[in-house]
């Protein structure tokens, strides 16, 4: 399964609009235009199709975490609440 397929499935499962995805990516310090985003959702054989690279997927997932949990506070470790 390609990143494009995963992004499409997450978009549907989370009921996200294009503007929501753009805002989620901004939370992870990644700028993308609406045209670039729509290219990710096109069919593979379309001339304007763009493959969703690992960086975009990673930034989207990071932004989704920030959107749902909030930004990590200083002193917190990744994957934990800062406790030892």
Protein backbone atom coordinates (compact mmCIF):
# COMPACT_ATOMS: atom_id res chain seq x y z
CA UNK A 1 0.00 0.00 0.00
CA UNK A 2 1.39 3.40 -0.96
CA UNK A 3 1.43 6.50 1.22
CA UNK A 4 -1.16 8.06 -1.11
CA UNK A 5 -3.59 5.23 -0.30
CA UNK A 6 -2.95 5.58 3.43
CA UNK A 7 -3.48 9.35 3.27
CA UNK A 8 -6.77 8.84 1.37
CA UNK A 9 -8.00 6.30 3.92
CA UNK A 10 -7.07 8.57 6.86
CA UNK A 11 -8.80 11.48 5.14
CA UNK A 12 -12.02 9.48 4.86
CA UNK A 13 -11.78 7.84 8.30
CA UNK A 14 -11.15 11.15 10.06
CA UNK A 15 -13.60 13.05 7.82
CA UNK A 16 -10.96 15.62 6.86
CA UNK A 17 -11.31 18.34 4.24
CA UNK A 18 -8.41 19.66 2.17
CA UNK A 19 -8.18 22.70 4.43
CA UNK A 20 -7.98 20.42 7.49
CA UNK A 21 -5.07 18.50 5.99
CA UNK A 22 -3.27 21.72 5.08
CA UNK A 23 -3.70 22.99 8.66
CA UNK A 24 -2.50 19.67 10.10
CA UNK A 25 0.64 19.86 7.95
CA UNK A 26 1.19 23.46 9.09
CA UNK A 27 1.19 22.23 12.71
CA UNK A 28 4.20 20.11 11.74
CA UNK A 29 5.90 23.09 10.04
CA UNK A 30 5.19 21.82 6.52
CA UNK A 31 3.61 24.09 3.91
CA UNK A 32 1.65 22.60 1.01
CA UNK A 33 -0.66 24.28 -1.47
CA UNK A 34 -4.16 23.10 -2.25
CA UNK A 35 -3.02 22.16 -5.79
CA UNK A 36 -0.12 20.09 -4.47
CA UNK A 37 -2.44 18.36 -2.03
CA UNK A 38 -5.00 17.52 -4.72
CA UNK A 39 -2.20 15.96 -6.80
CA UNK A 40 -1.70 13.45 -3.97
CA UNK A 41 -5.33 12.32 -4.25
CA UNK A 42 -5.38 11.86 -8.02
CA UNK A 43 -5.34 8.49 -9.76
CA UNK A 44 -1.91 7.07 -10.51
CA UNK A 45 -2.39 7.35 -14.28
CA UNK A 46 -3.43 11.03 -14.13
CA UNK A 47 -0.85 13.42 -15.59
CA UNK A 48 -0.80 15.59 -12.44
CA UNK A 49 -0.49 12.68 -9.99
CA UNK A 50 2.18 13.16 -7.32
CA UNK A 51 3.47 10.42 -5.08
CA UNK A 52 3.15 11.07 -1.36
CA UNK A 53 6.67 10.74 -0.04
CA UNK A 54 7.66 9.58 3.40
CA UNK A 55 8.40 13.15 4.51
CA UNK A 56 4.85 14.34 3.76
CA UNK A 57 3.37 11.28 5.48
CA UNK A 58 5.62 11.74 8.51
CA UNK A 59 4.78 15.43 8.77
CA UNK A 60 1.06 14.68 8.41
CA UNK A 61 1.20 12.14 11.24
CA UNK A 62 3.25 14.52 13.40
CA UNK A 63 0.72 17.28 12.76
CA UNK A 64 -2.14 14.94 13.58
CA UNK A 65 -0.52 14.18 16.94
CA UNK A 66 -0.12 17.89 17.69
CA UNK A 67 -3.74 18.52 16.67
CA UNK A 68 -5.09 15.76 18.93
CA UNK A 69 -2.69 15.87 21.90
CA UNK A 70 -1.13 19.31 21.72
CA UNK A 71 2.51 20.31 21.39
CA UNK A 72 5.08 18.45 23.41
CA UNK A 73 6.20 20.41 26.43
CA UNK A 74 9.91 20.91 26.98
CA UNK A 75 11.30 18.10 29.06
CA UNK A 76 8.91 15.51 27.67
CA UNK A 77 10.43 12.56 25.93
CA UNK A 78 9.02 11.27 22.63
CA UNK A 79 6.56 8.49 23.31
CA UNK A 80 6.16 9.31 26.96
CA UNK A 81 4.79 11.85 29.35
CA UNK A 82 8.20 12.96 30.58
CA UNK A 83 8.28 10.51 33.49
CA UNK A 84 11.12 8.12 34.17
